[in-house]
Amino acid sequence: MKNRKIVTILTLLIIALSVISAITGIFSNNVDVHADITTVRGEIVQLYNKGLYARDSVSVAAQAIAQDIITLIVGIPLLSISLFMIRKGSLKGTLLLTGTLGYFLYTYASYAFIIMYNPFFLVYVALMALSFYAFTLCMMSFQGHDLKQSFTDKFPAKSLCALFSFLGLMLCLMWLGRIIPPLFSDTAPYGLEHYSTLGIQTLDLGFIVPACFVTAGLLWRKRSWGYLLSVVLVLKMITMSTAVSAMVVSMLINGVDVSIVEMIVFPAFTLLSIVFITKILREVKKEARQF
């Protein structure tokens, strides 16, 4: 793998910082009471008032803690395993590492821009930066290589095209359905609370939705980048749908309203994406080595 030493160093730093960040987010319990906030739009927001996310709303704090748990028990082990695999020259390891770094980039970009300012702000910024450069270097390592030649003819290209098209359309309709109506009524969209903007919706509509449609198009035309992006997106689906499933449980425990759709859809996506990543990695040719 090109730039393996740099990627290894960056990944080890990500592991170290994310372990500290996630453990602190999960287990910090110091009470830090703040009065409920009345936003500029008149909405009353109850703050979490405990631990690292004391100044965040109950909803966002519950989601952040659930995200930290998934980062600790899924994201970090995946990084560690894939890092070990690339040192053995495994193409599967490079694919896993690239996709998992995509998860860390998305996660800590959302933390840096959404989570209320707290003592770990610079850690979030550092993790976002480290993940960005490690992810970029991993993507660049495939440049000039025809990745599709590393897979057998049984690679599920058509099924993935359908999956990404559906996912992109679902996210687009789901988030636009939340965003557009308030634009005409001059009200706050659901979930804005005391935050300045809808950060997750920004990331999804700006990056994930276009990536779904672009990847589907590239796969349909059997382009090499489509194969690489499909791995990144499927791993993103696994980690994020697992995280959202954990968030749903955490929000229910904390008394936050959750729709029945969220309780069904995201666990289903977790199972579906696990099936697909298993199928993808199974179709890597035995003789294929990392580039």
Protein backbone atom coordinates (compact mmCIF):
# COMPACT_ATOMS: atom_id res chain seq x y z
CA MET A 1 0.00 0.00 0.00
CA LYS A 2 1.31 3.44 -0.91
CA ASN A 3 2.09 5.69 2.08
CA ARG A 4 1.49 2.76 4.42
CA LYS A 5 3.75 4.16 7.13
CA ILE A 6 1.97 7.54 7.16
CA VAL A 7 -1.46 5.90 7.12
CA THR A 8 -0.42 3.62 9.98
CA ILE A 9 0.74 6.55 12.11
CA LEU A 10 -2.42 8.53 11.38
CA THR A 11 -4.62 5.52 12.15
CA LEU A 12 -2.85 4.81 15.45
CA LEU A 13 -3.40 8.44 16.47
CA ILE A 14 -7.08 8.13 15.54
CA ILE A 15 -7.40 4.98 17.64
CA ALA A 16 -5.73 6.60 20.66
CA LEU A 17 -7.74 9.83 20.55
CA SER A 18 -11.06 8.17 19.77
CA VAL A 19 -10.64 5.71 22.66
CA ILE A 20 -10.13 8.62 25.07
CA SER A 21 -13.00 10.64 23.54
CA ALA A 22 -15.47 7.74 23.46
CA ILE A 23 -14.71 6.52 27.00
CA THR A 24 -15.04 10.05 28.38
CA GLY A 25 -18.32 10.59 26.52
CA ILE A 26 -19.79 7.32 27.80
CA PHE A 27 -18.63 7.34 31.41
CA SER A 28 -18.40 11.01 32.43
CA ASN A 29 -21.22 11.54 34.93
CA ASN A 30 -20.39 14.79 36.71
CA VAL A 31 -23.59 16.80 37.18
CA ASP A 32 -23.47 20.23 35.53
CA VAL A 33 -26.94 21.71 35.85
CA HIS A 34 -28.10 24.37 33.40
CA ALA A 35 -31.54 25.95 33.06
CA ASP A 36 -33.75 24.95 30.13
CA ILE A 37 -33.10 27.11 27.08
CA THR A 38 -35.66 29.10 25.16
CA THR A 39 -34.44 29.38 21.58
CA VAL A 40 -34.84 32.41 19.30
CA ARG A 41 -37.84 30.62 17.78
CA GLY A 42 -39.48 30.13 21.15
CA GLU A 43 -38.76 26.41 21.54
CA ILE A 44 -37.91 25.23 25.06
CA VAL A 45 -34.97 22.81 25.08
CA GLN A 46 -34.09 20.60 28.04
CA LEU A 47 -30.34 20.12 28.43
CA TYR A 48 -28.69 16.84 29.39
CA ASN A 49 -26.91 18.41 32.39
CA LYS A 50 -24.47 15.56 32.91
CA GLY A 51 -20.99 14.60 31.81
CA LEU A 52 -19.21 15.70 28.65
CA TYR A 53 -22.46 16.50 26.83
CA ALA A 54 -24.04 18.52 29.67
CA ARG A 55 -24.81 21.52 27.45
CA ASP A 56 -26.30 19.43 24.67
CA SER A 57 -29.98 18.62 24.47
CA VAL A 58 -31.19 15.33 25.96
CA SER A 59 -31.79 14.03 22.44
CA VAL A 60 -28.35 14.89 21.03
CA ALA A 61 -26.52 13.76 24.18
CA ALA A 62 -28.29 10.39 24.03
CA GLN A 63 -27.30 10.05 20.38
CA ALA A 64 -23.69 11.08 21.04
CA ILE A 65 -23.29 8.55 23.86
CA ALA A 66 -24.72 5.80 21.65
CA GLN A 67 -22.32 6.87 18.88
CA ASP A 68 -19.41 6.68 21.32
CA ILE A 69 -20.41 3.14 22.30
CA ILE A 70 -20.46 2.00 18.66
CA THR A 71 -17.16 3.76 17.98
CA LEU A 72 -15.64 1.92 20.93
CA ILE A 73 -17.01 -1.58 20.26
CA VAL A 74 -17.23 -1.54 16.44
CA GLY A 75 -15.25 1.32 14.87
CA ILE A 76 -12.00 1.00 16.80
CA PRO A 77 -11.80 -2.83 16.51
CA LEU A 78 -12.41 -2.52 12.75
CA LEU A 79 -9.59 0.02 12.47
CA SER A 80 -7.26 -2.21 14.49
CA ILE A 81 -8.08 -5.37 12.50
CA SER A 82 -7.77 -3.67 9.12
CA LEU A 83 -4.49 -2.02 10.16
CA PHE A 84 -3.09 -5.46 11.04
CA MET A 85 -4.33 -6.82 7.70
CA ILE A 86 -2.67 -4.13 5.56
CA ARG A 87 0.65 -4.90 7.19
CA LYS A 88 0.21 -8.41 5.75
CA GLY A 89 -0.39 -6.98 2.26
CA SER A 90 -4.11 -7.78 2.27
CA LEU A 91 -6.35 -6.00 -0.23
CA LYS A 92 -9.33 -6.80 1.99
CA GLY A 93 -7.54 -4.99 4.80
CA THR A 94 -7.01 -1.90 2.65
CA LEU A 95 -10.68 -1.88 1.64
CA LEU A 96 -11.81 -2.29 5.26
CA LEU A 97 -9.46 0.43 6.46
CA THR A 98 -10.62 2.87 3.79
CA GLY A 99 -14.29 2.30 4.59
CA THR A 100 -13.80 2.49 8.36
CA LEU A 101 -11.81 5.72 8.06
CA GLY A 102 -14.79 7.10 6.13
CA TYR A 103 -16.93 6.37 9.20
CA PHE A 104 -14.49 8.17 11.51
CA LEU A 105 -14.31 11.16 9.18
CA TYR A 106 -18.10 11.49 9.09
CA THR A 107 -18.47 10.92 12.84
CA TYR A 108 -15.94 13.45 14.05
CA ALA A 109 -16.84 16.03 11.42
CA SER A 110 -20.36 15.87 12.88
CA TYR A 111 -18.97 16.16 16.43
CA ALA A 112 -16.78 19.13 15.52
CA PHE A 113 -19.64 21.03 13.88
CA ILE A 114 -22.66 19.93 15.93
CA ILE A 115 -21.80 19.01 19.53
CA MET A 116 -21.90 22.01 21.87
CA TYR A 117 -18.46 23.38 22.72
CA ASN A 118 -16.84 21.25 25.43
CA PRO A 119 -13.30 20.38 26.65
CA PHE A 120 -12.90 17.84 23.81
CA PHE A 121 -13.50 20.30 20.97
CA LEU A 122 -9.88 20.26 19.81
CA VAL A 123 -9.87 16.45 20.04
CA TYR A 124 -12.86 16.36 17.66
CA VAL A 125 -11.07 18.72 15.26
CA ALA A 126 -7.90 16.62 15.44
CA LEU A 127 -9.83 13.40 14.80
CA MET A 128 -11.65 14.98 11.86
CA ALA A 129 -8.34 16.14 10.35
CA LEU A 130 -6.50 12.86 10.97
CA SER A 131 -9.40 10.87 9.50
CA PHE A 132 -9.60 13.12 6.45
CA TYR A 133 -5.93 12.73 5.53
CA ALA A 134 -5.78 9.02 6.32
CA PHE A 135 -8.96 8.42 4.28
CA THR A 136 -7.63 10.52 1.38
CA LEU A 137 -4.31 8.67 1.32
CA CYS A 138 -6.11 5.32 1.35
CA MET A 139 -8.31 6.40 -1.56
CA MET A 140 -5.26 7.65 -3.48
CA SER A 141 -3.54 4.29 -3.06
CA PHE A 142 -6.06 2.83 -5.55
CA GLN A 143 -5.37 5.49 -8.18
CA GLY A 144 -4.26 4.06 -11.51
CA HIS A 145 -5.41 0.52 -10.67
CA ASP A 146 -8.41 -1.32 -12.08
CA LEU A 147 -9.95 -2.51 -8.84
CA LYS A 148 -12.72 -4.47 -10.55
CA GLN A 149 -10.09 -6.95 -11.75
CA SER A 150 -9.49 -7.87 -8.11
CA PHE A 151 -13.06 -9.16 -7.75
CA THR A 152 -14.71 -12.25 -9.20
CA ASP A 153 -17.62 -12.06 -11.65
CA LYS A 154 -20.00 -12.71 -8.74
CA PHE A 155 -19.45 -9.24 -7.27
CA PRO A 156 -23.03 -7.99 -6.49
CA ALA A 157 -22.83 -4.86 -8.65
CA LYS A 158 -26.50 -4.74 -9.71
CA SER A 159 -27.79 -5.40 -6.21
CA LEU A 160 -25.54 -2.67 -4.84
CA CYS A 161 -26.75 -0.26 -7.54
CA ALA A 162 -30.31 -0.84 -6.37
CA LEU A 163 -29.34 -0.54 -2.70
CA PHE A 164 -27.45 2.75 -3.11
CA SER A 165 -30.18 4.24 -5.32
CA PHE A 166 -32.79 3.36 -2.69
CA LEU A 167 -30.63 4.65 0.18
CA GLY A 168 -29.89 7.93 -1.59
CA LEU A 169 -33.56 8.46 -2.43
CA MET A 170 -34.69 7.52 1.08
CA LEU A 171 -32.27 9.92 2.78
CA CYS A 172 -33.12 12.68 0.33
CA LEU A 173 -36.88 12.37 0.86
CA MET A 174 -36.56 11.87 4.62
CA TRP A 175 -34.42 14.96 5.21
CA LEU A 176 -36.13 17.22 2.66
CA GLY A 177 -39.46 16.24 4.23
CA ARG A 178 -38.14 17.59 7.52
CA ILE A 179 -36.48 20.70 6.06
CA ILE A 180 -38.80 22.08 3.37
CA PRO A 181 -42.15 22.55 5.23
CA PRO A 182 -40.64 24.81 7.94
CA LEU A 183 -39.16 27.03 5.22
CA PHE A 184 -42.68 28.09 4.26
CA SER A 185 -44.02 28.45 7.81
CA ASP A 186 -40.97 30.20 9.31
CA THR A 187 -40.78 27.62 12.08
CA ALA A 188 -37.92 25.53 13.39
CA PRO A 189 -37.50 22.11 11.79
CA TYR A 190 -37.76 19.12 14.10
CA GLY A 191 -34.44 18.43 15.81
CA LEU A 192 -32.95 21.93 15.44
CA GLU A 193 -33.41 22.69 19.15
CA HIS A 194 -30.78 25.25 20.31
CA TYR A 195 -28.28 24.39 17.57
CA SER A 196 -27.41 26.77 14.75
CA THR A 197 -28.23 24.42 11.90
CA LEU A 198 -29.03 20.82 10.94
CA GLY A 199 -25.54 19.35 10.81
CA ILE A 200 -26.34 15.69 10.09
CA GLN A 201 -28.77 16.64 7.33
CA THR A 202 -26.08 18.91 5.87
CA LEU A 203 -23.53 16.09 5.78
CA ASP A 204 -26.02 13.56 4.41
CA LEU A 205 -27.50 15.78 1.69
CA GLY A 206 -24.12 17.28 0.79
CA PHE A 207 -22.00 14.13 0.77
CA ILE A 208 -23.80 10.84 1.43
CA VAL A 209 -26.78 11.26 -0.94
CA PRO A 210 -24.60 12.34 -3.92
CA ALA A 211 -22.13 9.55 -3.10
CA CYS A 212 -24.94 6.98 -3.24
CA PHE A 213 -26.09 8.08 -6.70
CA VAL A 214 -22.54 8.53 -8.06
CA THR A 215 -21.51 5.08 -6.80
CA ALA A 216 -24.62 3.47 -8.26
CA GLY A 217 -23.85 5.08 -11.62
CA LEU A 218 -20.20 4.02 -11.56
CA LEU A 219 -21.10 0.45 -10.61
CA TRP A 220 -23.72 0.28 -13.37
CA ARG A 221 -20.99 1.23 -15.85
CA LYS A 222 -18.55 -1.17 -14.11
CA ARG A 223 -16.02 1.55 -13.35
CA SER A 224 -13.21 0.80 -10.91
CA TRP A 225 -14.05 3.67 -8.55
CA GLY A 226 -17.56 2.31 -8.19
CA TYR A 227 -16.14 -0.86 -6.62
CA LEU A 228 -14.07 1.12 -4.13
CA LEU A 229 -16.84 3.56 -3.21
CA SER A 230 -19.28 0.69 -2.74
CA VAL A 231 -17.06 -0.74 0.02
CA VAL A 232 -16.81 2.69 1.67
CA LEU A 233 -20.58 3.19 1.57
CA VAL A 234 -21.47 -0.30 2.77
CA LEU A 235 -19.11 0.04 5.75
CA LYS A 236 -20.60 3.48 6.37
CA MET A 237 -24.05 1.83 6.36
CA ILE A 238 -22.93 -0.83 8.85
CA THR A 239 -21.35 1.55 11.33
CA MET A 240 -23.90 4.35 11.04
CA SER A 241 -27.04 2.19 10.98
CA THR A 242 -25.68 0.30 14.00
CA ALA A 243 -24.98 3.63 15.69
CA VAL A 244 -28.45 4.96 14.87
CA SER A 245 -30.00 1.74 16.19
CA ALA A 246 -28.09 2.28 19.43
CA MET A 247 -29.18 5.92 19.41
CA VAL A 248 -32.83 4.87 19.16
CA VAL A 249 -32.42 2.65 22.23
CA SER A 250 -30.58 5.42 24.11
CA MET A 251 -33.23 8.00 23.20
CA LEU A 252 -36.02 5.69 24.37
CA ILE A 253 -34.22 5.17 27.69
CA ASN A 254 -33.94 8.95 28.08
CA GLY A 255 -37.62 9.54 27.28
CA VAL A 256 -37.13 11.01 23.80
CA ASP A 257 -39.85 10.30 21.24
CA VAL A 258 -38.74 7.93 18.46
CA SER A 259 -40.76 6.92 15.42
CA ILE A 260 -41.60 3.28 14.81
CA VAL A 261 -40.00 3.63 11.36
CA GLU A 262 -36.61 4.42 12.92
CA MET A 263 -36.98 1.44 15.26
CA ILE A 264 -37.41 -0.92 12.29
CA VAL A 265 -35.52 0.60 9.36
CA PHE A 266 -32.06 1.11 10.85
CA PRO A 267 -31.63 -2.34 12.44
CA ALA A 268 -32.80 -3.79 9.11
CA PHE A 269 -30.18 -1.73 7.26
CA THR A 270 -27.53 -2.99 9.67
CA LEU A 271 -28.32 -6.62 8.87
CA LEU A 272 -28.57 -5.91 5.13
CA SER A 273 -25.25 -4.08 5.00
CA ILE A 274 -23.50 -6.88 6.94
CA VAL A 275 -24.78 -9.34 4.33
CA PHE A 276 -23.43 -7.12 1.54
CA ILE A 277 -19.98 -6.50 3.05
CA THR A 278 -19.62 -10.26 3.62
CA LYS A 279 -20.54 -10.87 -0.01
CA ILE A 280 -18.16 -8.16 -1.28
CA LEU A 281 -15.15 -9.41 0.68
CA ARG A 282 -15.91 -13.01 -0.30
CA GLU A 283 -15.62 -12.02 -3.96
CA VAL A 284 -12.09 -10.61 -3.62
CA LYS A 285 -9.86 -12.93 -5.61
CA LYS A 286 -7.53 -15.03 -3.47
CA GLU A 287 -4.48 -13.84 -5.39
CA ALA A 288 -5.43 -10.15 -5.11
CA ARG A 289 -2.96 -8.06 -3.10
CA GLN A 290 -3.09 -4.47 -1.93
CA PHE A 291 -1.86 -1.83 -4.35
